[in-house]
Amino acid sequence: PVDDVVKAEVTEKAEKPAKAEKPAKAEKPAKAEKPAKAEKPAKAEKPTKAEKSE
C-alpha cells in the first residue's frame, strides 16, 4: 500500500510539469518591459488641482 501511495504521489508530480513546462507567461516580460505607463507620473506630477483645492 505504501508503494502505491508513493507511486501516486510521484505520478501526480510527474503529471504536473505542465505549469513548469509553460513558462511562456514568465518568458513574456513584455508588460515588465513596458513601464511606459509607470514612467508617466504626469498625473502624479500635477497635484496643482489638489493644491488649489486646499
Protein backbone atom coordinates (compact mmCIF):
# COMPACT_ATOMS: atom_id res chain seq x y z
CA PRO A 1 0.00 0.00 0.00
CA VAL A 2 2.87 2.34 0.81
CA ASP A 3 4.34 1.75 -2.62
CA ASP A 4 1.02 2.61 -4.19
CA VAL A 5 0.88 5.87 -2.27
CA VAL A 6 4.42 6.75 -3.25
CA LYS A 7 3.70 5.94 -6.88
CA ALA A 8 0.54 8.00 -6.71
CA GLU A 9 2.48 10.96 -5.33
CA VAL A 10 5.16 10.56 -7.98
CA THR A 11 2.64 10.36 -10.79
CA GLU A 12 0.92 13.48 -9.50
CA LYS A 13 4.19 15.38 -9.56
CA ALA A 14 5.06 13.90 -12.94
CA GLU A 15 1.66 14.83 -14.29
CA LYS A 16 2.03 18.41 -13.13
CA PRO A 17 5.05 19.56 -15.11
CA ALA A 18 2.61 21.41 -17.32
CA LYS A 19 2.99 24.59 -15.32
CA ALA A 20 6.75 24.19 -15.25
CA GLU A 21 6.79 23.45 -18.95
CA LYS A 22 4.72 26.54 -19.67
CA PRO A 23 6.93 29.41 -18.61
CA ALA A 24 5.54 31.23 -21.62
CA LYS A 25 3.89 33.77 -19.36
CA ALA A 26 7.09 34.11 -17.38
CA GLU A 27 9.02 34.43 -20.62
CA LYS A 28 6.75 37.28 -21.67
CA PRO A 29 8.09 40.20 -19.65
CA ALA A 30 6.56 42.41 -22.30
CA LYS A 31 4.45 44.07 -19.63
CA ALA A 32 7.51 44.42 -17.43
CA GLU A 33 9.46 45.78 -20.38
CA LYS A 34 6.73 48.33 -20.99
CA PRO A 35 6.90 50.55 -17.92
CA ALA A 36 5.71 53.34 -20.18
CA LYS A 37 2.59 53.73 -18.07
CA ALA A 38 4.69 53.61 -14.92
CA GLU A 39 7.05 56.15 -16.46
CA LYS A 40 4.14 58.54 -16.93
CA PRO A 41 3.81 60.09 -13.47
CA ALA A 42 2.38 63.10 -15.25
CA LYS A 43 -0.83 62.78 -13.25
CA ALA A 44 1.18 62.40 -10.06
CA GLU A 45 3.27 65.41 -11.03
CA LYS A 46 0.14 67.53 -11.43
CA PRO A 47 -1.13 67.97 -7.88
CA THR A 48 -1.91 71.55 -8.82
CA LYS A 49 -5.65 70.94 -8.65
CA ALA A 50 -5.27 69.27 -5.28
CA GLU A 51 -3.08 72.11 -4.05
CA LYS A 52 -5.57 74.70 -5.26
CA SER A 53 -8.41 72.91 -3.53
CA GLU A 54 -6.59 73.40 -0.26
